[in-house]
Amino acid sequence: MKETICTIPINDIFAPKDGCPICRMESMLEEQYVRFITGDAMMEPSVRIETNKKGFCHRHFSQMFAVGQKLPNALILESHLQELIDRYMPKKLKGKPDKKQLDGIKAELESCYVCDRIKSDMLHFTATIFVEWSKGGEFKRLFNEQPYICLKHYDFLMRAAMGKGGVGSKNLSDFYADTAALTKNYLVSLKADITHFCSMFDYRSKGQEWGSSKDSIERSIEFLTGEKPGENVDFA
């Protein structure tokens, strides 16, 4: 595949052939935006206007706190908290609850600047994937040589493929077959590994080899959710 500014990241994402390439794409974007938002973007007025309005989900607040300095995090929070006071807190503490304000708070709790940016960029990257896959040749071969497409991103890719800017009606059937094969084949192998893992606790399996079933629980969780087990877990 001839490399352009648009296709170079796609090559980088698909080249490792390790796990789900769309998971790698999402992780790359997430890391870039979390570092961006606690770095140079902190002083960008247009970005701050958006972050003040949208805020961040718990996942991305936690990542920002983990990778960024405390002052950038505090400055972002200072203006965001003021935005919440101005938009959603009552001027006078009397009367009845304001449903419009409560609806606004609910929407605020469900919004995240980083999530929105990732979603937008994912669609742009996916459009490039569709274009390059439709050309056939090297990228299509690289796509089909991936270990698997996880369940989360199988759904994402197929919905995007069928939508506006997707792979096109002419290519949809072949793209579906290629993508579904990557997901189904891995899913079937996971099921076999999990079954073997369970059977190893039967006394009749004494002396048998665990084979590839040893990490089948971890791989199954990653396949089903797009994340490795234990990520972003903190009960302390």
C-alpha atoms as a PDB file:
ATOM      1  CA  MET A   1       0.000   0.000   0.000  1.00  0.00           C
ATOM      2  CA  LYS A   2       1.427   3.406  -1.001  1.00  0.00           C
ATOM      3  CA  GLU A   3       1.839   5.458   2.168  1.00  0.00           C
ATOM      4  CA  THR A   4       0.280   8.909   2.485  1.00  0.00           C
ATOM      5  CA  ILE A   5      -0.305  11.139   5.507  1.00  0.00           C
ATOM      6  CA  CYS A   6      -3.700   9.437   5.957  1.00  0.00           C
ATOM      7  CA  THR A   7      -2.543   5.851   5.505  1.00  0.00           C
ATOM      8  CA  ILE A   8       0.701   5.851   7.513  1.00  0.00           C
ATOM      9  CA  PRO A   9      -1.131   5.533  10.883  1.00  0.00           C
ATOM     10  CA  ILE A  10      -3.236   2.709   9.426  1.00  0.00           C
ATOM     11  CA  ASN A  11      -0.083   0.841   8.376  1.00  0.00           C
ATOM     12  CA  ASP A  12       1.389   1.353  11.850  1.00  0.00           C
ATOM     13  CA  ILE A  13      -1.765   0.082  13.520  1.00  0.00           C
ATOM     14  CA  PHE A  14      -2.158  -3.053  11.405  1.00  0.00           C
ATOM     15  CA  ALA A  15       1.520  -3.983  11.059  1.00  0.00           C
ATOM     16  CA  PRO A  16       2.057  -5.649  14.495  1.00  0.00           C
ATOM     17  CA  LYS A  17      -0.580  -8.373  13.934  1.00  0.00           C
ATOM     18  CA  ASP A  18      -1.016  -8.616  17.694  1.00  0.00           C
ATOM     19  CA  GLY A  19      -4.557  -8.650  19.052  1.00  0.00           C
ATOM     20  CA  CYS A  20      -7.330  -6.450  17.675  1.00  0.00           C
ATOM     21  CA  PRO A  21      -6.018  -3.624  15.453  1.00  0.00           C
ATOM     22  CA  ILE A  22      -9.017  -1.412  16.190  1.00  0.00           C
ATOM     23  CA  CYS A  23      -8.280  -1.717  19.916  1.00  0.00           C
ATOM     24  CA  ARG A  24      -4.758  -0.480  19.155  1.00  0.00           C
ATOM     25  CA  MET A  25      -6.206   2.401  17.171  1.00  0.00           C
ATOM     26  CA  GLU A  26      -8.512   3.404  20.010  1.00  0.00           C
ATOM     27  CA  SER A  27      -5.730   3.098  22.617  1.00  0.00           C
ATOM     28  CA  MET A  28      -3.398   5.227  20.513  1.00  0.00           C
ATOM     29  CA  LEU A  29      -5.984   7.997  20.187  1.00  0.00           C
ATOM     30  CA  GLU A  30      -6.864   7.809  23.870  1.00  0.00           C
ATOM     31  CA  GLU A  31      -3.244   8.209  24.962  1.00  0.00           C
ATOM     32  CA  GLN A  32      -2.673  11.078  22.534  1.00  0.00           C
ATOM     33  CA  TYR A  33      -5.712  13.023  23.709  1.00  0.00           C
ATOM     34  CA  VAL A  34      -5.126  12.464  27.416  1.00  0.00           C
ATOM     35  CA  ARG A  35      -1.571  13.771  27.072  1.00  0.00           C
ATOM     36  CA  PHE A  36      -2.706  16.585  24.769  1.00  0.00           C
ATOM     37  CA  ILE A  37      -5.410  17.807  27.111  1.00  0.00           C
ATOM     38  CA  THR A  38      -3.044  18.071  30.087  1.00  0.00           C
ATOM     39  CA  GLY A  39      -0.286  19.587  27.946  1.00  0.00           C
ATOM     40  CA  ASP A  40      -0.355  22.282  25.286  1.00  0.00           C
ATOM     41  CA  ALA A  41      -4.137  22.168  24.888  1.00  0.00           C
ATOM     42  CA  MET A  42      -4.605  23.475  28.415  1.00  0.00           C
ATOM     43  CA  MET A  43      -3.870  26.998  27.160  1.00  0.00           C
ATOM     44  CA  GLU A  44      -5.935  26.748  23.953  1.00  0.00           C
ATOM     45  CA  PRO A  45      -9.087  28.886  24.445  1.00  0.00           C
ATOM     46  CA  SER A  46     -11.149  26.897  21.919  1.00  0.00           C
ATOM     47  CA  VAL A  47     -10.269  23.624  23.643  1.00  0.00           C
ATOM     48  CA  ARG A  48     -10.935  25.001  27.112  1.00  0.00           C
ATOM     49  CA  ILE A  49     -14.387  26.183  26.037  1.00  0.00           C
ATOM     50  CA  GLU A  50     -15.205  22.630  24.955  1.00  0.00           C
ATOM     51  CA  THR A  51     -13.731  20.952  28.042  1.00  0.00           C
ATOM     52  CA  ASN A  52     -15.560  23.398  30.308  1.00  0.00           C
ATOM     53  CA  LYS A  53     -18.852  22.392  28.701  1.00  0.00           C
ATOM     54  CA  LYS A  54     -18.321  18.660  28.251  1.00  0.00           C
ATOM     55  CA  GLY A  55     -16.039  17.682  31.110  1.00  0.00           C
ATOM     56  CA  PHE A  56     -14.631  14.147  31.180  1.00  0.00           C
ATOM     57  CA  CYS A  57     -15.758  10.659  32.104  1.00  0.00           C
ATOM     58  CA  HIS A  58     -14.252   8.916  35.136  1.00  0.00           C
ATOM     59  CA  ARG A  59     -11.900   6.873  32.959  1.00  0.00           C
ATOM     60  CA  HIS A  60     -10.371   9.903  31.290  1.00  0.00           C
ATOM     61  CA  PHE A  61     -10.325  12.068  34.410  1.00  0.00           C
ATOM     62  CA  SER A  62      -8.361   9.244  36.047  1.00  0.00           C
ATOM     63  CA  GLN A  63      -5.928   8.975  33.138  1.00  0.00           C
ATOM     64  CA  MET A  64      -5.428  12.751  33.059  1.00  0.00           C
ATOM     65  CA  PHE A  65      -4.640  12.711  36.778  1.00  0.00           C
ATOM     66  CA  ALA A  66      -2.222   9.813  36.281  1.00  0.00           C
ATOM     67  CA  VAL A  67      -0.217  11.235  33.351  1.00  0.00           C
ATOM     68  CA  GLY A  68      -0.545  15.006  33.776  1.00  0.00           C
ATOM     69  CA  GLN A  69       0.953  17.434  36.248  1.00  0.00           C
ATOM     70  CA  LYS A  70      -1.315  18.558  39.086  1.00  0.00           C
ATOM     71  CA  LEU A  71      -1.447  22.228  38.035  1.00  0.00           C
ATOM     72  CA  PRO A  72      -2.856  21.578  34.525  1.00  0.00           C
ATOM     73  CA  ASN A  73      -5.471  19.252  36.031  1.00  0.00           C
ATOM     74  CA  ALA A  74      -6.378  21.855  38.651  1.00  0.00           C
ATOM     75  CA  LEU A  75      -6.699  24.656  36.074  1.00  0.00           C
ATOM     76  CA  ILE A  76      -8.929  22.502  33.862  1.00  0.00           C
ATOM     77  CA  LEU A  77     -11.085  21.645  36.870  1.00  0.00           C
ATOM     78  CA  GLU A  78     -11.233  25.245  38.072  1.00  0.00           C
ATOM     79  CA  SER A  79     -12.927  26.529  34.913  1.00  0.00           C
ATOM     80  CA  HIS A  80     -15.050  23.389  34.475  1.00  0.00           C
ATOM     81  CA  LEU A  81     -16.402  23.613  38.027  1.00  0.00           C
ATOM     82  CA  GLN A  82     -17.234  27.267  37.500  1.00  0.00           C
ATOM     83  CA  GLU A  83     -19.114  26.317  34.340  1.00  0.00           C
ATOM     84  CA  LEU A  84     -21.189  23.833  36.357  1.00  0.00           C
ATOM     85  CA  ILE A  85     -21.966  26.472  38.982  1.00  0.00           C
ATOM     86  CA  ASP A  86     -23.061  28.987  36.348  1.00  0.00           C
ATOM     87  CA  ARG A  87     -25.144  26.572  34.280  1.00  0.00           C
ATOM     88  CA  TYR A  88     -26.708  24.122  36.688  1.00  0.00           C
ATOM     89  CA  MET A  89     -26.760  25.485  40.208  1.00  0.00           C
ATOM     90  CA  PRO A  90     -29.805  27.497  41.380  1.00  0.00           C
ATOM     91  CA  LYS A  91     -29.312  31.219  41.926  1.00  0.00           C
ATOM     92  CA  LYS A  92     -31.404  31.049  45.075  1.00  0.00           C
ATOM     93  CA  LEU A  93     -31.865  27.991  47.259  1.00  0.00           C
ATOM     94  CA  LYS A  94     -35.633  27.996  47.374  1.00  0.00           C
ATOM     95  CA  GLY A  95     -38.598  26.880  45.317  1.00  0.00           C
ATOM     96  CA  LYS A  96     -38.792  23.620  43.344  1.00  0.00           C
ATOM     97  CA  PRO A  97     -36.113  21.639  41.530  1.00  0.00           C
ATOM     98  CA  ASP A  98     -35.460  22.914  38.007  1.00  0.00           C
ATOM     99  CA  LYS A  99     -36.015  19.974  35.641  1.00  0.00           C
ATOM    100  CA  LYS A 100     -34.112  21.726  32.855  1.00  0.00           C
ATOM    101  CA  GLN A 101     -31.085  22.070  35.107  1.00  0.00           C
ATOM    102  CA  LEU A 102     -31.353  18.438  36.227  1.00  0.00           C
ATOM    103  CA  ASP A 103     -31.557  17.303  32.591  1.00  0.00           C
ATOM    104  CA  GLY A 104     -28.458  19.367  31.915  1.00  0.00           C
ATOM    105  CA  ILE A 105     -26.597  17.721  34.785  1.00  0.00           C
ATOM    106  CA  LYS A 106     -27.617  14.278  33.504  1.00  0.00           C
ATOM    107  CA  ALA A 107     -26.275  15.124  30.047  1.00  0.00           C
ATOM    108  CA  GLU A 108     -23.109  16.498  31.645  1.00  0.00           C
ATOM    109  CA  LEU A 109     -22.529  13.268  33.548  1.00  0.00           C
ATOM    110  CA  GLU A 110     -22.757  11.329  30.298  1.00  0.00           C
ATOM    111  CA  SER A 111     -20.435  13.573  28.272  1.00  0.00           C
ATOM    112  CA  CYS A 112     -16.660  13.533  27.851  1.00  0.00           C
ATOM    113  CA  TYR A 113     -14.421  15.684  25.685  1.00  0.00           C
ATOM    114  CA  VAL A 114     -11.875  12.896  25.145  1.00  0.00           C
ATOM    115  CA  CYS A 115     -14.527  10.274  24.311  1.00  0.00           C
ATOM    116  CA  ASP A 116     -16.033  12.593  21.700  1.00  0.00           C
ATOM    117  CA  ARG A 117     -12.671  13.315  20.078  1.00  0.00           C
ATOM    118  CA  ILE A 118     -11.804   9.614  19.984  1.00  0.00           C
ATOM    119  CA  LYS A 119     -15.168   8.760  18.434  1.00  0.00           C
ATOM    120  CA  SER A 120     -14.724  11.394  15.734  1.00  0.00           C
ATOM    121  CA  ASP A 121     -11.182  10.306  14.873  1.00  0.00           C
ATOM    122  CA  MET A 122     -12.130   6.637  14.911  1.00  0.00           C
ATOM    123  CA  LEU A 123     -14.658   7.326  12.174  1.00  0.00           C
ATOM    124  CA  HIS A 124     -12.026   9.156  10.101  1.00  0.00           C
ATOM    125  CA  PHE A 125      -9.557   6.292  10.495  1.00  0.00           C
ATOM    126  CA  THR A 126     -12.251   3.768   9.679  1.00  0.00           C
ATOM    127  CA  ALA A 127     -13.087   5.625   6.454  1.00  0.00           C
ATOM    128  CA  THR A 128      -9.424   5.280   5.472  1.00  0.00           C
ATOM    129  CA  ILE A 129      -9.539   1.562   6.299  1.00  0.00           C
ATOM    130  CA  PHE A 130     -12.540   1.127   3.999  1.00  0.00           C
ATOM    131  CA  VAL A 131     -10.840   2.999   1.142  1.00  0.00           C
ATOM    132  CA  GLU A 132      -7.604   1.013   1.416  1.00  0.00           C
ATOM    133  CA  TRP A 133      -9.380  -2.323   1.891  1.00  0.00           C
ATOM    134  CA  SER A 134     -11.515  -1.660  -1.205  1.00  0.00           C
ATOM    135  CA  LYS A 135      -8.368  -1.248  -3.299  1.00  0.00           C
ATOM    136  CA  GLY A 136      -7.402  -4.834  -2.530  1.00  0.00           C
ATOM    137  CA  GLY A 137      -3.746  -5.725  -2.615  1.00  0.00           C
ATOM    138  CA  GLU A 138      -1.377  -5.308   0.309  1.00  0.00           C
ATOM    139  CA  PHE A 139      -3.683  -3.692   2.833  1.00  0.00           C
ATOM    140  CA  LYS A 140      -6.500  -6.156   2.255  1.00  0.00           C
ATOM    141  CA  ARG A 141      -3.999  -8.970   2.834  1.00  0.00           C
ATOM    142  CA  LEU A 142      -2.745  -7.223   5.984  1.00  0.00           C
ATOM    143  CA  PHE A 143      -6.339  -6.807   7.206  1.00  0.00           C
ATOM    144  CA  ASN A 144      -7.100 -10.491   6.694  1.00  0.00           C
ATOM    145  CA  GLU A 145      -3.908 -11.534   8.497  1.00  0.00           C
ATOM    146  CA  GLN A 146      -4.965  -9.927  11.783  1.00  0.00           C
ATOM    147  CA  PRO A 147      -5.368 -12.363  14.694  1.00  0.00           C
ATOM    148  CA  TYR A 148      -8.908 -11.160  15.308  1.00  0.00           C
ATOM    149  CA  ILE A 149     -11.314  -8.239  15.525  1.00  0.00           C
ATOM    150  CA  CYS A 150     -12.757  -8.053  19.047  1.00  0.00           C
ATOM    151  CA  LEU A 151     -16.519  -8.183  19.532  1.00  0.00           C
ATOM    152  CA  LYS A 152     -16.806  -4.481  20.420  1.00  0.00           C
ATOM    153  CA  HIS A 153     -14.966  -3.397  17.291  1.00  0.00           C
ATOM    154  CA  TYR A 154     -16.598  -6.005  15.067  1.00  0.00           C
ATOM    155  CA  ASP A 155     -19.883  -4.268  15.873  1.00  0.00           C
ATOM    156  CA  PHE A 156     -18.250  -0.857  15.346  1.00  0.00           C
ATOM    157  CA  LEU A 157     -16.726  -1.776  11.984  1.00  0.00           C
ATOM    158  CA  MET A 158     -19.835  -3.425  10.568  1.00  0.00           C
ATOM    159  CA  ARG A 159     -22.103  -0.537  11.556  1.00  0.00           C
ATOM    160  CA  ALA A 160     -19.642   1.941  10.062  1.00  0.00           C
ATOM    161  CA  ALA A 161     -19.286  -0.182   6.917  1.00  0.00           C
ATOM    162  CA  MET A 162     -23.052  -0.132   6.368  1.00  0.00           C
ATOM    163  CA  GLY A 163     -23.414   3.600   7.043  1.00  0.00           C
ATOM    164  CA  LYS A 164     -22.685   6.781   5.160  1.00  0.00           C
ATOM    165  CA  GLY A 165     -19.054   6.847   4.113  1.00  0.00           C
ATOM    166  CA  GLY A 166     -18.859   3.090   4.619  1.00  0.00           C
ATOM    167  CA  VAL A 167     -17.362   0.433   2.413  1.00  0.00           C
ATOM    168  CA  GLY A 168     -20.121   0.746  -0.211  1.00  0.00           C
ATOM    169  CA  SER A 169     -22.835  -1.675  -1.278  1.00  0.00           C
ATOM    170  CA  LYS A 170     -20.589  -3.230  -3.930  1.00  0.00           C
ATOM    171  CA  ASN A 171     -17.965  -4.263  -1.373  1.00  0.00           C
ATOM    172  CA  LEU A 172     -20.126  -4.780   1.704  1.00  0.00           C
ATOM    173  CA  SER A 173     -20.625  -8.519   1.277  1.00  0.00           C
ATOM    174  CA  ASP A 174     -16.894  -9.241   0.918  1.00  0.00           C
ATOM    175  CA  PHE A 175     -15.949  -6.907   3.764  1.00  0.00           C
ATOM    176  CA  TYR A 176     -18.534  -8.586   5.978  1.00  0.00           C
ATOM    177  CA  ALA A 177     -17.163 -12.024   5.103  1.00  0.00           C
ATOM    178  CA  ASP A 178     -13.557 -11.029   5.816  1.00  0.00           C
ATOM    179  CA  THR A 179     -14.333  -9.239   9.078  1.00  0.00           C
ATOM    180  CA  ALA A 180     -16.811 -11.827  10.369  1.00  0.00           C
ATOM    181  CA  ALA A 181     -14.264 -14.577   9.677  1.00  0.00           C
ATOM    182  CA  LEU A 182     -11.659 -12.828  11.863  1.00  0.00           C
ATOM    183  CA  THR A 183     -14.146 -12.488  14.718  1.00  0.00           C
ATOM    184  CA  LYS A 184     -15.850 -15.861  14.417  1.00  0.00           C
ATOM    185  CA  ASN A 185     -12.675 -17.940  14.054  1.00  0.00           C
ATOM    186  CA  TYR A 186     -11.137 -16.388  17.153  1.00  0.00           C
ATOM    187  CA  LEU A 187     -14.396 -16.662  19.096  1.00  0.00           C
ATOM    188  CA  VAL A 188     -14.649 -20.370  18.289  1.00  0.00           C
ATOM    189  CA  SER A 189     -11.037 -20.924  19.365  1.00  0.00           C
ATOM    190  CA  LEU A 190     -11.645 -18.997  22.603  1.00  0.00           C
ATOM    191  CA  LYS A 191     -14.659 -21.168  23.389  1.00  0.00           C
ATOM    192  CA  ALA A 192     -12.557 -24.295  22.842  1.00  0.00           C
ATOM    193  CA  ASP A 193      -9.817 -22.954  25.114  1.00  0.00           C
ATOM    194  CA  ILE A 194     -12.279 -22.008  27.859  1.00  0.00           C
ATOM    195  CA  THR A 195     -13.890 -25.441  27.651  1.00  0.00           C
ATOM    196  CA  HIS A 196     -10.464 -27.077  27.946  1.00  0.00           C
ATOM    197  CA  PHE A 197      -9.594 -24.779  30.869  1.00  0.00           C
ATOM    198  CA  CYS A 198     -12.745 -25.865  32.713  1.00  0.00           C
ATOM    199  CA  SER A 199     -12.080 -29.532  31.970  1.00  0.00           C
ATOM    200  CA  MET A 200      -8.630 -29.293  33.566  1.00  0.00           C
ATOM    201  CA  PHE A 201     -10.310 -29.027  36.978  1.00  0.00           C
ATOM    202  CA  ASP A 202     -11.842 -32.464  36.481  1.00  0.00           C
ATOM    203  CA  TYR A 203      -9.866 -35.241  38.188  1.00  0.00           C
ATOM    204  CA  ARG A 204     -10.023 -37.205  34.948  1.00  0.00           C
ATOM    205  CA  SER A 205      -7.794 -34.577  33.280  1.00  0.00           C
ATOM    206  CA  LYS A 206      -4.909 -35.170  35.659  1.00  0.00           C
ATOM    207  CA  GLY A 207      -1.628 -35.155  33.754  1.00  0.00           C
ATOM    208  CA  GLN A 208      -3.034 -33.430  30.664  1.00  0.00           C
ATOM    209  CA  GLU A 209      -1.502 -30.267  29.219  1.00  0.00           C
ATOM    210  CA  TRP A 210      -3.144 -26.864  29.674  1.00  0.00           C
ATOM    211  CA  GLY A 211      -2.018 -25.824  26.216  1.00  0.00           C
ATOM    212  CA  SER A 212      -3.294 -22.439  25.029  1.00  0.00           C
ATOM    213  CA  SER A 213      -6.106 -22.491  27.617  1.00  0.00           C
ATOM    214  CA  LYS A 214      -3.938 -21.111  30.431  1.00  0.00           C
ATOM    215  CA  ASP A 215      -4.737 -17.466  29.686  1.00  0.00           C
ATOM    216  CA  SER A 216      -8.134 -18.096  28.068  1.00  0.00           C
ATOM    217  CA  ILE A 217     -10.037 -16.146  30.752  1.00  0.00           C
ATOM    218  CA  GLU A 218      -7.909 -13.037  30.208  1.00  0.00           C
ATOM    219  CA  ARG A 219      -8.106 -13.326  26.423  1.00  0.00           C
ATOM    220  CA  SER A 220     -11.869 -13.853  26.528  1.00  0.00           C
ATOM    221  CA  ILE A 221     -12.415 -10.716  28.626  1.00  0.00           C
ATOM    222  CA  GLU A 222     -10.217  -8.706  26.263  1.00  0.00           C
ATOM    223  CA  PHE A 223     -12.087 -10.054  23.231  1.00  0.00           C
ATOM    224  CA  LEU A 224     -15.513  -9.310  24.726  1.00  0.00           C
ATOM    225  CA  THR A 225     -14.762  -5.837  26.093  1.00  0.00           C
ATOM    226  CA  GLY A 226     -11.827  -4.450  24.129  1.00  0.00           C
ATOM    227  CA  GLU A 227      -9.803  -4.135  27.359  1.00  0.00           C
ATOM    228  CA  LYS A 228      -7.468  -6.411  29.258  1.00  0.00           C
ATOM    229  CA  PRO A 229      -8.802  -7.510  32.658  1.00  0.00           C
ATOM    230  CA  GLY A 230      -7.646  -5.380  35.545  1.00  0.00           C
ATOM    231  CA  GLU A 231      -7.246  -2.174  33.519  1.00  0.00           C
ATOM    232  CA  ASN A 232      -8.612   0.911  35.254  1.00  0.00           C
ATOM    233  CA  VAL A 233      -9.645  -1.047  38.339  1.00  0.00           C
ATOM    234  CA  ASP A 234      -9.009   0.629  41.662  1.00  0.00           C
ATOM    235  CA  PHE A 235     -11.076  -0.305  44.712  1.00  0.00           C
ATOM    236  CA  ALA A 236      -8.722   1.381  47.164  1.00  0.00           C
END
